[in-house]
Amino acid sequence: MVRLRTAFPFSSGHVQTLFPPVFRPRADVSYERQRLETSDGDFVDLDWSRGGNDRLVLILHGLEGHSRRKYVLGMARAARLHGLDALAMNFRGCSGEPNRKVTMYHSGWTRDVHEILLMVDALGRYRSVDLVGFSLGGNVILKYLGEEPGSVPGLVRRAVAISVPCDLEDSARALARPQCALYTRYLLDQLRKKIIEKGRLFPGELDLEGVGKLRTFRQFDDRFTAPLHGFRDAQDYWRRSSSRQYLTAIDRQTCIINALNDPFLGPGCYPREEVRTNGDLFLITPETGGHVGFVGSGLDGMYWSEWMAMRFLLKPLDADVQECVVR
C-alpha cells in the first residue's frame, strides 16, 4: 500500500499543496495529440497514452492546468502501470493554443466531456471508460454525471474526483483568506494573461480596463467568466455550476477524495449528506493531502491519490479503502 505522508512538514496542507509542483519528478509519459472538432465550431486538444488495452481512463486537469501537469502525468502513468490506456483532456485554450471563440471553459462546462465520450464510444476499441478529475476537472465530472445521468454513455463505468470544489462559492471564500493569497495571485495572474490575449484576438468584444486590479475570484468571475458564458454574475455562475447539487442523481460508482486540510476548500465542499443518501457515492477525507497533493511513497513512485484512484477503479472497495470512506 502507498502510505500518505503525514509527518511534519507534510501534515501541513500548504506543504502538501506546494511540494509536488516544485519537487516531484515529472513522470515519463509519451502522448499522442488529437484535435477534436467540437459541435459548436471550436476544438479540444486531447493527449493519448495508449498500450492496446480495452479499458480507458479520461483525465481532466484543474483550473489553468493542462495535460502535462505533474499530477496529470502521474495519474496517466498510474493508469498505464495498471493496464489501462489514458486520455488527458486539455480544456479549451489550455493546450498551448488559444481556442477559436471568445468563450473559454469554466467549472460547469460539461459539453466537451460528453462529446469526447461519444467520440471514444464510436471508436469501438474500449469496453469501458473511467473518469478522473482534479479540482475544477473533478467538479466538471461530478456535474456531468449528475445533471443528465440518462445521457451519459453506457461505457462510462466509474469516476474519481480529487480535491473538488463542489461548492464553488465556498471555495471562493476559502481562497479569499489571507493564507491563500499566494494561490489566488498565481491563478488570477494566469487568468488575466489569458483574458488579455482574448482581448487581442477579439478586439472590441472585451472591456479590459482595470483588469490588472482584479484581486479575487468573485471580481474576475463577475467581470468575465459569468457574462462570457451566459450567467448573470459570479453568484449565479457558482450556484448553477457547483456539482454538489447534482450528486444525489449520480448513478455510477463515484469516489470523491478531499483532504480535510485542503486550503482551497470550505466546509461546503465535503458533501457528507449527499454521500449518505446515494449508495453509488463514496467520500474519502484524509486528514492531510492539501490541494491535489497527497504526497505518498510507494511502489513505482505513485502518490497516495493515484494508488487510491486505481484501487477504486479496478477492484471492489477493500479494507484499505473502507477505513477512509464516509457512509
C-alpha atoms as a PDB file:
ATOM      1  CA  MET A   1       0.000   0.000   0.000  1.00  0.00           C
ATOM      2  CA  VAL A   2       1.154   3.534  -0.739  1.00  0.00           C
ATOM      3  CA  ARG A   3       1.408   5.495   2.509  1.00  0.00           C
ATOM      4  CA  LEU A   4       0.213   9.091   2.683  1.00  0.00           C
ATOM      5  CA  ARG A   5       2.888  11.290   4.269  1.00  0.00           C
ATOM      6  CA  THR A   6       1.583  12.772   7.494  1.00  0.00           C
ATOM      7  CA  ALA A   7       4.740  13.528   9.492  1.00  0.00           C
ATOM      8  CA  PHE A   8       5.959  17.126   9.748  1.00  0.00           C
ATOM      9  CA  PRO A   9       6.119  19.064   7.482  1.00  0.00           C
ATOM     10  CA  PHE A  10       3.692  17.023   5.352  1.00  0.00           C
ATOM     11  CA  SER A  11       0.954  17.348   7.945  1.00  0.00           C
ATOM     12  CA  SER A  12       0.539  20.890   6.581  1.00  0.00           C
ATOM     13  CA  GLY A  13      -1.969  21.374   3.789  1.00  0.00           C
ATOM     14  CA  HIS A  14       0.172  24.121   2.305  1.00  0.00           C
ATOM     15  CA  VAL A  15       3.261  21.875   2.174  1.00  0.00           C
ATOM     16  CA  GLN A  16       1.197  19.085   0.604  1.00  0.00           C
ATOM     17  CA  THR A  17      -0.104  21.562  -1.990  1.00  0.00           C
ATOM     18  CA  LEU A  18       3.207  23.201  -2.874  1.00  0.00           C
ATOM     19  CA  PHE A  19       5.629  20.273  -2.690  1.00  0.00           C
ATOM     20  CA  PRO A  20       4.535  18.261  -5.788  1.00  0.00           C
ATOM     21  CA  PRO A  21       4.657  21.016  -8.438  1.00  0.00           C
ATOM     22  CA  VAL A  22       8.106  22.091  -7.236  1.00  0.00           C
ATOM     23  CA  PHE A  23       9.861  18.878  -6.200  1.00  0.00           C
ATOM     24  CA  ARG A  24       8.046  15.921  -7.714  1.00  0.00           C
ATOM     25  CA  PRO A  25       9.879  14.395 -10.707  1.00  0.00           C
ATOM     26  CA  ARG A  26       7.900  14.582 -13.922  1.00  0.00           C
ATOM     27  CA  ALA A  27       6.513  11.173 -14.856  1.00  0.00           C
ATOM     28  CA  ASP A  28       7.789   9.796 -18.132  1.00  0.00           C
ATOM     29  CA  VAL A  29       4.609   9.560 -20.219  1.00  0.00           C
ATOM     30  CA  SER A  30       4.544   9.751 -24.008  1.00  0.00           C
ATOM     31  CA  TYR A  31       1.481  11.374 -25.550  1.00  0.00           C
ATOM     32  CA  GLU A  32      -0.070  11.365 -28.999  1.00  0.00           C
ATOM     33  CA  ARG A  33      -2.020  14.565 -29.713  1.00  0.00           C
ATOM     34  CA  GLN A  34      -5.507  14.510 -31.236  1.00  0.00           C
ATOM     35  CA  ARG A  35      -7.607  17.562 -32.038  1.00  0.00           C
ATOM     36  CA  LEU A  36     -11.328  17.008 -31.576  1.00  0.00           C
ATOM     37  CA  GLU A  37     -13.517  19.420 -33.522  1.00  0.00           C
ATOM     38  CA  THR A  38     -16.492  20.305 -31.342  1.00  0.00           C
ATOM     39  CA  SER A  39     -20.086  20.697 -32.484  1.00  0.00           C
ATOM     40  CA  ASP A  40     -20.023  24.477 -31.916  1.00  0.00           C
ATOM     41  CA  GLY A  41     -17.089  25.080 -34.263  1.00  0.00           C
ATOM     42  CA  ASP A  42     -14.325  25.120 -31.682  1.00  0.00           C
ATOM     43  CA  PHE A  43     -11.790  22.426 -30.754  1.00  0.00           C
ATOM     44  CA  VAL A  44     -10.420  20.460 -27.821  1.00  0.00           C
ATOM     45  CA  ASP A  45      -6.891  19.027 -27.807  1.00  0.00           C
ATOM     46  CA  LEU A  46      -6.546  15.531 -26.389  1.00  0.00           C
ATOM     47  CA  ASP A  47      -3.404  13.626 -25.433  1.00  0.00           C
ATOM     48  CA  TRP A  48      -3.439   9.838 -25.654  1.00  0.00           C
ATOM     49  CA  SER A  49      -1.182   7.359 -23.860  1.00  0.00           C
ATOM     50  CA  ARG A  50      -2.064   4.024 -25.437  1.00  0.00           C
ATOM     51  CA  GLY A  51      -0.937   0.496 -24.726  1.00  0.00           C
ATOM     52  CA  GLY A  52      -3.526  -1.511 -26.625  1.00  0.00           C
ATOM     53  CA  ASN A  53      -5.718  -2.016 -23.550  1.00  0.00           C
ATOM     54  CA  ASP A  54      -9.501  -2.351 -23.694  1.00  0.00           C
ATOM     55  CA  ARG A  55     -10.171  -0.014 -20.766  1.00  0.00           C
ATOM     56  CA  LEU A  56      -9.568   3.728 -20.776  1.00  0.00           C
ATOM     57  CA  VAL A  57      -9.184   6.466 -18.159  1.00  0.00           C
ATOM     58  CA  LEU A  58     -10.196  10.001 -19.193  1.00  0.00           C
ATOM     59  CA  ILE A  59      -8.282  12.554 -17.074  1.00  0.00           C
ATOM     60  CA  LEU A  60      -9.360  16.182 -16.546  1.00  0.00           C
ATOM     61  CA  HIS A  61      -6.966  18.784 -15.138  1.00  0.00           C
ATOM     62  CA  GLY A  62      -7.690  21.699 -12.812  1.00  0.00           C
ATOM     63  CA  LEU A  63      -8.025  25.462 -13.283  1.00  0.00           C
ATOM     64  CA  GLU A  64      -5.402  26.750 -15.750  1.00  0.00           C
ATOM     65  CA  GLY A  65      -3.756  23.343 -15.882  1.00  0.00           C
ATOM     66  CA  HIS A  66      -3.072  21.130 -18.881  1.00  0.00           C
ATOM     67  CA  SER A  67      -2.221  17.553 -19.785  1.00  0.00           C
ATOM     68  CA  ARG A  68       1.465  17.902 -18.883  1.00  0.00           C
ATOM     69  CA  ARG A  69       0.970  18.993 -15.305  1.00  0.00           C
ATOM     70  CA  LYS A  70       2.776  16.627 -12.958  1.00  0.00           C
ATOM     71  CA  TYR A  71      -0.438  15.428 -11.321  1.00  0.00           C
ATOM     72  CA  VAL A  72      -1.980  14.549 -14.710  1.00  0.00           C
ATOM     73  CA  LEU A  73       1.166  12.760 -15.865  1.00  0.00           C
ATOM     74  CA  GLY A  74       1.298  10.891 -12.555  1.00  0.00           C
ATOM     75  CA  MET A  75      -2.270   9.648 -12.952  1.00  0.00           C
ATOM     76  CA  ALA A  76      -1.690   8.729 -16.602  1.00  0.00           C
ATOM     77  CA  ARG A  77       1.394   6.760 -15.597  1.00  0.00           C
ATOM     78  CA  ALA A  78      -0.515   5.006 -12.805  1.00  0.00           C
ATOM     79  CA  ALA A  79      -3.230   4.046 -15.291  1.00  0.00           C
ATOM     80  CA  ARG A  80      -0.715   2.566 -17.721  1.00  0.00           C
ATOM     81  CA  LEU A  81       1.014   0.647 -14.928  1.00  0.00           C
ATOM     82  CA  HIS A  82      -2.354  -0.909 -14.097  1.00  0.00           C
ATOM     83  CA  GLY A  83      -3.202  -1.974 -17.624  1.00  0.00           C
ATOM     84  CA  LEU A  84      -5.346   0.988 -18.667  1.00  0.00           C
ATOM     85  CA  ASP A  85      -4.995   3.389 -21.567  1.00  0.00           C
ATOM     86  CA  ALA A  86      -5.073   7.082 -20.626  1.00  0.00           C
ATOM     87  CA  LEU A  87      -6.607  10.064 -22.395  1.00  0.00           C
ATOM     88  CA  ALA A  88      -5.781  13.502 -20.965  1.00  0.00           C
ATOM     89  CA  MET A  89      -8.151  16.310 -21.930  1.00  0.00           C
ATOM     90  CA  ASN A  90      -6.980  19.900 -22.278  1.00  0.00           C
ATOM     91  CA  PHE A  91      -9.775  22.354 -21.595  1.00  0.00           C
ATOM     92  CA  ARG A  92     -10.337  24.953 -24.298  1.00  0.00           C
ATOM     93  CA  GLY A  93      -7.381  27.296 -24.515  1.00  0.00           C
ATOM     94  CA  CYS A  94      -5.215  25.193 -22.172  1.00  0.00           C
ATOM     95  CA  SER A  95      -3.268  23.144 -24.717  1.00  0.00           C
ATOM     96  CA  GLY A  96      -0.865  25.900 -25.743  1.00  0.00           C
ATOM     97  CA  GLU A  97      -3.068  27.380 -28.465  1.00  0.00           C
ATOM     98  CA  PRO A  98      -5.996  29.784 -27.932  1.00  0.00           C
ATOM     99  CA  ASN A  99      -9.378  28.381 -28.837  1.00  0.00           C
ATOM    100  CA  ARG A 100     -11.399  29.911 -31.644  1.00  0.00           C
ATOM    101  CA  LYS A 101     -14.134  31.587 -29.647  1.00  0.00           C
ATOM    102  CA  VAL A 102     -14.176  34.410 -27.138  1.00  0.00           C
ATOM    103  CA  THR A 103     -15.740  31.954 -24.675  1.00  0.00           C
ATOM    104  CA  MET A 104     -13.357  29.575 -22.905  1.00  0.00           C
ATOM    105  CA  TYR A 105     -14.061  26.904 -20.302  1.00  0.00           C
ATOM    106  CA  HIS A 106     -15.397  27.058 -16.770  1.00  0.00           C
ATOM    107  CA  SER A 107     -16.251  24.912 -13.760  1.00  0.00           C
ATOM    108  CA  GLY A 108     -19.629  23.859 -15.134  1.00  0.00           C
ATOM    109  CA  TRP A 109     -18.713  23.365 -18.815  1.00  0.00           C
ATOM    110  CA  THR A 110     -19.621  19.699 -19.409  1.00  0.00           C
ATOM    111  CA  ARG A 111     -20.450  19.678 -23.132  1.00  0.00           C
ATOM    112  CA  ASP A 112     -16.904  18.893 -24.252  1.00  0.00           C
ATOM    113  CA  VAL A 113     -16.631  15.908 -21.907  1.00  0.00           C
ATOM    114  CA  HIS A 114     -19.805  14.493 -23.410  1.00  0.00           C
ATOM    115  CA  GLU A 115     -18.528  14.921 -26.964  1.00  0.00           C
ATOM    116  CA  ILE A 116     -15.202  13.285 -26.064  1.00  0.00           C
ATOM    117  CA  LEU A 117     -17.017  10.290 -24.604  1.00  0.00           C
ATOM    118  CA  LEU A 118     -19.216   9.981 -27.688  1.00  0.00           C
ATOM    119  CA  MET A 119     -16.065  10.031 -29.819  1.00  0.00           C
ATOM    120  CA  VAL A 120     -14.431   7.332 -27.682  1.00  0.00           C
ATOM    121  CA  ASP A 121     -17.603   5.226 -27.823  1.00  0.00           C
ATOM    122  CA  ALA A 122     -17.674   5.499 -31.621  1.00  0.00           C
ATOM    123  CA  LEU A 123     -14.098   4.171 -31.835  1.00  0.00           C
ATOM    124  CA  GLY A 124     -15.311   0.774 -30.632  1.00  0.00           C
ATOM    125  CA  ARG A 125     -11.943  -0.017 -29.010  1.00  0.00           C
ATOM    126  CA  TYR A 126     -12.878   0.171 -25.337  1.00  0.00           C
ATOM    127  CA  ARG A 127     -15.262  -1.869 -23.241  1.00  0.00           C
ATOM    128  CA  SER A 128     -15.315   0.786 -20.529  1.00  0.00           C
ATOM    129  CA  VAL A 129     -14.156   4.300 -19.671  1.00  0.00           C
ATOM    130  CA  ASP A 130     -13.421   5.578 -16.168  1.00  0.00           C
ATOM    131  CA  LEU A 131     -13.219   9.288 -15.362  1.00  0.00           C
ATOM    132  CA  VAL A 132     -10.660  11.025 -13.130  1.00  0.00           C
ATOM    133  CA  GLY A 133     -10.827  14.756 -12.463  1.00  0.00           C
ATOM    134  CA  PHE A 134      -8.714  17.115 -10.400  1.00  0.00           C
ATOM    135  CA  SER A 135     -10.120  20.261  -8.750  1.00  0.00           C
ATOM    136  CA  LEU A 136     -12.123  22.128 -11.429  1.00  0.00           C
ATOM    137  CA  GLY A 137     -11.934  18.993 -13.581  1.00  0.00           C
ATOM    138  CA  GLY A 138     -13.409  16.993 -10.720  1.00  0.00           C
ATOM    139  CA  ASN A 139     -16.307  19.420 -10.431  1.00  0.00           C
ATOM    140  CA  VAL A 140     -16.933  19.108 -14.180  1.00  0.00           C
ATOM    141  CA  ILE A 141     -17.025  15.305 -13.935  1.00  0.00           C
ATOM    142  CA  LEU A 142     -19.419  15.261 -10.970  1.00  0.00           C
ATOM    143  CA  LYS A 143     -21.740  17.798 -12.586  1.00  0.00           C
ATOM    144  CA  TYR A 144     -21.663  15.881 -15.853  1.00  0.00           C
ATOM    145  CA  LEU A 145     -22.558  12.579 -14.208  1.00  0.00           C
ATOM    146  CA  GLY A 146     -25.394  14.084 -12.178  1.00  0.00           C
ATOM    147  CA  GLU A 147     -27.045  16.714 -14.381  1.00  0.00           C
ATOM    148  CA  GLU A 148     -28.395  14.284 -17.007  1.00  0.00           C
ATOM    149  CA  PRO A 149     -27.492  10.740 -15.904  1.00  0.00           C
ATOM    150  CA  GLY A 150     -29.548   9.182 -18.683  1.00  0.00           C
ATOM    151  CA  SER A 151     -27.386  10.880 -21.319  1.00  0.00           C
ATOM    152  CA  VAL A 152     -24.073   9.545 -20.028  1.00  0.00           C
ATOM    153  CA  PRO A 153     -22.770   6.880 -22.458  1.00  0.00           C
ATOM    154  CA  GLY A 154     -23.119   3.340 -21.201  1.00  0.00           C
ATOM    155  CA  LEU A 155     -19.395   2.596 -21.397  1.00  0.00           C
ATOM    156  CA  VAL A 156     -18.717   5.054 -18.524  1.00  0.00           C
ATOM    157  CA  ARG A 157     -18.140   2.796 -15.532  1.00  0.00           C
ATOM    158  CA  ARG A 158     -16.661   4.600 -12.501  1.00  0.00           C
ATOM    159  CA  ALA A 159     -15.283   8.010 -11.591  1.00  0.00           C
ATOM    160  CA  VAL A 160     -12.849   9.587  -9.138  1.00  0.00           C
ATOM    161  CA  ALA A 161     -12.874  13.300  -8.303  1.00  0.00           C
ATOM    162  CA  ILE A 162      -9.882  14.643  -6.370  1.00  0.00           C
ATOM    163  CA  SER A 163      -9.673  17.935  -4.409  1.00  0.00           C
ATOM    164  CA  VAL A 164     -13.075  19.016  -5.694  1.00  0.00           C
ATOM    165  CA  PRO A 165     -14.548  22.486  -5.018  1.00  0.00           C
ATOM    166  CA  CYS A 166     -18.051  21.058  -5.326  1.00  0.00           C
ATOM    167  CA  ASP A 167     -19.428  24.220  -3.678  1.00  0.00           C
ATOM    168  CA  LEU A 168     -17.814  26.942  -5.779  1.00  0.00           C
ATOM    169  CA  GLU A 169     -18.898  29.851  -3.614  1.00  0.00           C
ATOM    170  CA  ASP A 170     -17.486  28.175  -0.519  1.00  0.00           C
ATOM    171  CA  SER A 171     -14.240  27.519  -2.355  1.00  0.00           C
ATOM    172  CA  ALA A 172     -14.041  31.152  -3.481  1.00  0.00           C
ATOM    173  CA  ARG A 173     -14.461  32.237   0.156  1.00  0.00           C
ATOM    174  CA  ALA A 174     -11.677  29.867   1.230  1.00  0.00           C
ATOM    175  CA  LEU A 175      -9.324  31.228  -1.445  1.00  0.00           C
ATOM    176  CA  ALA A 176     -10.090  34.815  -0.424  1.00  0.00           C
ATOM    177  CA  ARG A 177      -8.492  34.224   3.003  1.00  0.00           C
ATOM    178  CA  PRO A 178      -5.083  35.869   3.584  1.00  0.00           C
ATOM    179  CA  GLN A 179      -3.343  32.498   3.962  1.00  0.00           C
ATOM    180  CA  CYS A 180      -4.391  31.618   0.408  1.00  0.00           C
ATOM    181  CA  ALA A 181      -3.135  34.823  -1.208  1.00  0.00           C
ATOM    182  CA  LEU A 182      -0.283  33.001  -2.963  1.00  0.00           C
ATOM    183  CA  TYR A 183      -2.625  30.574  -4.735  1.00  0.00           C
ATOM    184  CA  THR A 184      -5.145  33.257  -5.637  1.00  0.00           C
ATOM    185  CA  ARG A 185      -2.466  35.574  -7.016  1.00  0.00           C
ATOM    186  CA  TYR A 186      -0.938  32.814  -9.134  1.00  0.00           C
ATOM    187  CA  LEU A 187      -4.227  31.598 -10.617  1.00  0.00           C
ATOM    188  CA  LEU A 188      -5.561  35.102 -11.268  1.00  0.00           C
ATOM    189  CA  ASP A 189      -2.280  36.029 -12.970  1.00  0.00           C
ATOM    190  CA  GLN A 190      -2.816  33.116 -15.364  1.00  0.00           C
ATOM    191  CA  LEU A 191      -6.437  34.067 -15.971  1.00  0.00           C
ATOM    192  CA  ARG A 192      -5.580  37.728 -16.522  1.00  0.00           C
ATOM    193  CA  LYS A 193      -2.956  36.811 -19.121  1.00  0.00           C
ATOM    194  CA  LYS A 194      -5.473  34.624 -20.905  1.00  0.00           C
ATOM    195  CA  ILE A 195      -8.228  37.238 -20.927  1.00  0.00           C
ATOM    196  CA  ILE A 196      -5.790  39.905 -22.195  1.00  0.00           C
ATOM    197  CA  GLU A 197      -4.841  37.550 -25.034  1.00  0.00           C
ATOM    198  CA  LYS A 198      -8.548  37.067 -25.726  1.00  0.00           C
ATOM    199  CA  GLY A 199      -8.914  40.816 -25.978  1.00  0.00           C
ATOM    200  CA  ARG A 200      -6.145  40.914 -28.564  1.00  0.00           C
ATOM    201  CA  LEU A 201      -7.731  38.118 -30.598  1.00  0.00           C
ATOM    202  CA  PHE A 202     -11.256  39.530 -30.360  1.00  0.00           C
ATOM    203  CA  PRO A 203     -10.839  43.312 -30.455  1.00  0.00           C
ATOM    204  CA  GLY A 204     -13.797  45.264 -29.143  1.00  0.00           C
ATOM    205  CA  GLU A 205     -15.505  42.271 -27.518  1.00  0.00           C
ATOM    206  CA  LEU A 206     -13.956  42.580 -24.050  1.00  0.00           C
ATOM    207  CA  ASP A 207     -13.603  45.567 -21.754  1.00  0.00           C
ATOM    208  CA  LEU A 208     -10.123  45.128 -20.292  1.00  0.00           C
ATOM    209  CA  GLU A 209      -9.951  48.391 -18.368  1.00  0.00           C
ATOM    210  CA  GLY A 210      -8.681  47.742 -14.854  1.00  0.00           C
ATOM    211  CA  VAL A 211      -8.139  44.016 -15.433  1.00  0.00           C
ATOM    212  CA  GLY A 212      -4.843  44.209 -13.549  1.00  0.00           C
ATOM    213  CA  LYS A 213      -6.662  45.387 -10.430  1.00  0.00           C
ATOM    214  CA  LEU A 214      -8.824  42.274 -10.061  1.00  0.00           C
ATOM    215  CA  ARG A 215      -7.774  40.600  -6.822  1.00  0.00           C
ATOM    216  CA  THR A 216     -10.437  37.960  -6.094  1.00  0.00           C
ATOM    217  CA  PHE A 217     -12.236  35.223  -7.994  1.00  0.00           C
ATOM    218  CA  ARG A 218     -15.520  36.998  -7.334  1.00  0.00           C
ATOM    219  CA  GLN A 219     -14.202  40.053  -9.135  1.00  0.00           C
ATOM    220  CA  PHE A 220     -12.852  38.031 -12.074  1.00  0.00           C
ATOM    221  CA  ASP A 221     -15.952  35.853 -12.411  1.00  0.00           C
ATOM    222  CA  ASP A 222     -18.270  38.873 -12.141  1.00  0.00           C
ATOM    223  CA  ARG A 223     -16.313  40.697 -14.823  1.00  0.00           C
ATOM    224  CA  PHE A 224     -15.513  37.896 -17.300  1.00  0.00           C
ATOM    225  CA  THR A 225     -16.482  34.280 -16.552  1.00  0.00           C
ATOM    226  CA  ALA A 226     -20.156  34.965 -15.867  1.00  0.00           C
ATOM    227  CA  PRO A 227     -21.048  37.341 -18.755  1.00  0.00           C
ATOM    228  CA  LEU A 228     -18.966  35.414 -21.308  1.00  0.00           C
ATOM    229  CA  HIS A 229     -20.813  32.183 -20.578  1.00  0.00           C
ATOM    230  CA  GLY A 230     -24.384  33.308 -20.041  1.00  0.00           C
ATOM    231  CA  PHE A 231     -24.506  33.784 -16.283  1.00  0.00           C
ATOM    232  CA  ARG A 232     -25.898  36.846 -14.536  1.00  0.00           C
ATOM    233  CA  ASP A 233     -22.926  37.311 -12.198  1.00  0.00           C
ATOM    234  CA  ALA A 234     -20.376  35.333 -10.171  1.00  0.00           C
ATOM    235  CA  GLN A 235     -23.026  34.221  -7.696  1.00  0.00           C
ATOM    236  CA  ASP A 236     -25.230  32.863 -10.465  1.00  0.00           C
ATOM    237  CA  TYR A 237     -22.265  31.132 -12.102  1.00  0.00           C
ATOM    238  CA  TRP A 238     -21.181  29.493  -8.857  1.00  0.00           C
ATOM    239  CA  ARG A 239     -24.716  28.433  -7.962  1.00  0.00           C
ATOM    240  CA  ARG A 240     -25.512  26.858 -11.310  1.00  0.00           C
ATOM    241  CA  SER A 241     -22.091  25.271 -11.875  1.00  0.00           C
ATOM    242  CA  SER A 242     -21.415  23.755  -8.439  1.00  0.00           C
ATOM    243  CA  SER A 243     -21.583  19.977  -8.640  1.00  0.00           C
ATOM    244  CA  ARG A 244     -22.843  19.423  -5.094  1.00  0.00           C
ATOM    245  CA  GLN A 245     -26.478  19.904  -6.139  1.00  0.00           C
ATOM    246  CA  TYR A 246     -26.143  17.100  -8.709  1.00  0.00           C
ATOM    247  CA  LEU A 247     -24.512  14.453  -6.516  1.00  0.00           C
ATOM    248  CA  THR A 248     -27.647  12.633  -5.413  1.00  0.00           C
ATOM    249  CA  ALA A 249     -28.548  11.892  -9.054  1.00  0.00           C
ATOM    250  CA  ILE A 250     -25.238  10.200  -9.953  1.00  0.00           C
ATOM    251  CA  ASP A 251     -25.792   6.540 -10.841  1.00  0.00           C
ATOM    252  CA  ARG A 252     -22.203   5.360 -11.472  1.00  0.00           C
ATOM    253  CA  GLN A 253     -19.865   4.396  -8.638  1.00  0.00           C
ATOM    254  CA  THR A 254     -18.041   7.626  -7.877  1.00  0.00           C
ATOM    255  CA  CYS A 255     -15.379   8.431  -5.292  1.00  0.00           C
ATOM    256  CA  ILE A 256     -14.629  11.947  -4.018  1.00  0.00           C
ATOM    257  CA  ILE A 257     -11.228  12.424  -2.347  1.00  0.00           C
ATOM    258  CA  ASN A 258     -10.989  15.751  -0.460  1.00  0.00           C
ATOM    259  CA  ALA A 259      -8.336  16.285   2.193  1.00  0.00           C
ATOM    260  CA  LEU A 260      -9.520  17.946   5.392  1.00  0.00           C
ATOM    261  CA  ASN A 261      -6.621  20.417   5.246  1.00  0.00           C
ATOM    262  CA  ASP A 262      -7.152  21.436   1.611  1.00  0.00           C
ATOM    263  CA  PRO A 263      -6.645  25.241   1.601  1.00  0.00           C
ATOM    264  CA  PHE A 264      -8.864  25.612  -1.497  1.00  0.00           C
ATOM    265  CA  LEU A 265     -11.957  24.077   0.112  1.00  0.00           C
ATOM    266  CA  GLY A 266     -14.523  25.376   2.579  1.00  0.00           C
ATOM    267  CA  PRO A 267     -16.917  23.293   4.724  1.00  0.00           C
ATOM    268  CA  GLY A 268     -19.464  23.077   1.905  1.00  0.00           C
ATOM    269  CA  CYS A 269     -17.010  21.093  -0.223  1.00  0.00           C
ATOM    270  CA  TYR A 270     -17.374  17.956   1.925  1.00  0.00           C
ATOM    271  CA  PRO A 271     -20.771  16.553   0.807  1.00  0.00           C
ATOM    272  CA  ARG A 272     -21.349  14.059   3.587  1.00  0.00           C
ATOM    273  CA  GLU A 273     -25.154  14.138   3.493  1.00  0.00           C
ATOM    274  CA  GLU A 274     -25.310  13.612  -0.256  1.00  0.00           C
ATOM    275  CA  VAL A 275     -22.963  10.641   0.064  1.00  0.00           C
ATOM    276  CA  ARG A 276     -25.080   9.076   2.783  1.00  0.00           C
ATOM    277  CA  THR A 277     -28.199   9.223   0.609  1.00  0.00           C
ATOM    278  CA  ASN A 278     -26.616   7.856  -2.582  1.00  0.00           C
ATOM    279  CA  GLY A 279     -25.199   4.349  -2.466  1.00  0.00           C
ATOM    280  CA  ASP A 280     -23.082   4.991  -5.567  1.00  0.00           C
ATOM    281  CA  LEU A 281     -21.127   7.814  -3.913  1.00  0.00           C
ATOM    282  CA  PHE A 282     -18.070   7.470  -1.688  1.00  0.00           C
ATOM    283  CA  LEU A 283     -16.261  10.244   0.157  1.00  0.00           C
ATOM    284  CA  ILE A 284     -12.688   9.851   1.400  1.00  0.00           C
ATOM    285  CA  THR A 285     -11.407  12.658   3.635  1.00  0.00           C
ATOM    286  CA  PRO A 286      -7.837  12.066   4.846  1.00  0.00           C
ATOM    287  CA  GLU A 287      -6.601  14.484   7.486  1.00  0.00           C
ATOM    288  CA  THR A 288      -3.822  15.693   5.228  1.00  0.00           C
ATOM    289  CA  GLY A 289      -3.242  15.899   1.490  1.00  0.00           C
ATOM    290  CA  GLY A 290      -3.620  19.586   0.702  1.00  0.00           C
ATOM    291  CA  HIS A 291      -4.922  20.541  -2.736  1.00  0.00           C
ATOM    292  CA  VAL A 292      -4.013  17.982  -5.423  1.00  0.00           C
ATOM    293  CA  GLY A 293      -1.132  16.950  -3.186  1.00  0.00           C
ATOM    294  CA  PHE A 294      -1.456  13.622  -1.353  1.00  0.00           C
ATOM    295  CA  VAL A 295       2.301  13.122  -1.312  1.00  0.00           C
ATOM    296  CA  GLY A 296       2.927   9.441  -0.830  1.00  0.00           C
ATOM    297  CA  SER A 297       5.711   6.947  -1.066  1.00  0.00           C
ATOM    298  CA  GLY A 298       5.242   3.514  -2.513  1.00  0.00           C
ATOM    299  CA  LEU A 299       5.941   1.189  -5.398  1.00  0.00           C
ATOM    300  CA  ASP A 300       6.688   2.804  -8.756  1.00  0.00           C
ATOM    301  CA  GLY A 301       6.687   6.304  -7.265  1.00  0.00           C
ATOM    302  CA  MET A 302       2.911   6.574  -7.104  1.00  0.00           C
ATOM    303  CA  TYR A 303       1.326   9.230  -4.931  1.00  0.00           C
ATOM    304  CA  TRP A 304      -1.390   8.198  -2.500  1.00  0.00           C
ATOM    305  CA  SER A 305      -4.218   9.698  -4.586  1.00  0.00           C
ATOM    306  CA  GLU A 306      -3.064   7.728  -7.643  1.00  0.00           C
ATOM    307  CA  TRP A 307      -2.950   4.497  -5.682  1.00  0.00           C
ATOM    308  CA  MET A 308      -6.377   5.161  -4.199  1.00  0.00           C
ATOM    309  CA  ALA A 309      -7.853   6.046  -7.599  1.00  0.00           C
ATOM    310  CA  MET A 310      -6.553   2.827  -9.155  1.00  0.00           C
ATOM    311  CA  ARG A 311      -7.860   0.774  -6.217  1.00  0.00           C
ATOM    312  CA  PHE A 312     -11.298   2.299  -6.634  1.00  0.00           C
ATOM    313  CA  LEU A 313     -11.409   1.959 -10.422  1.00  0.00           C
ATOM    314  CA  LEU A 314     -10.038  -1.565 -10.680  1.00  0.00           C
ATOM    315  CA  LYS A 315     -11.326  -3.517  -7.687  1.00  0.00           C
ATOM    316  CA  PRO A 316     -14.169  -3.626  -5.155  1.00  0.00           C
ATOM    317  CA  LEU A 317     -13.616  -1.433  -2.124  1.00  0.00           C
ATOM    318  CA  ASP A 318     -11.439  -3.360   0.294  1.00  0.00           C
ATOM    319  CA  ALA A 319     -10.472  -2.714   3.906  1.00  0.00           C
ATOM    320  CA  ASP A 320      -7.736  -0.269   2.914  1.00  0.00           C
ATOM    321  CA  VAL A 321     -10.328   1.925   1.238  1.00  0.00           C
ATOM    322  CA  GLN A 322     -13.285   1.288   3.504  1.00  0.00           C
ATOM    323  CA  GLU A 323     -11.489   2.624   6.563  1.00  0.00           C
ATOM    324  CA  CYS A 324     -11.369   6.059   4.900  1.00  0.00           C
ATOM    325  CA  VAL A 325     -14.873   6.120   3.428  1.00  0.00           C
ATOM    326  CA  VAL A 326     -17.723   8.211   4.789  1.00  0.00           C
ATOM    327  CA  ARG A 327     -21.036   6.321   4.587  1.00  0.00           C
END
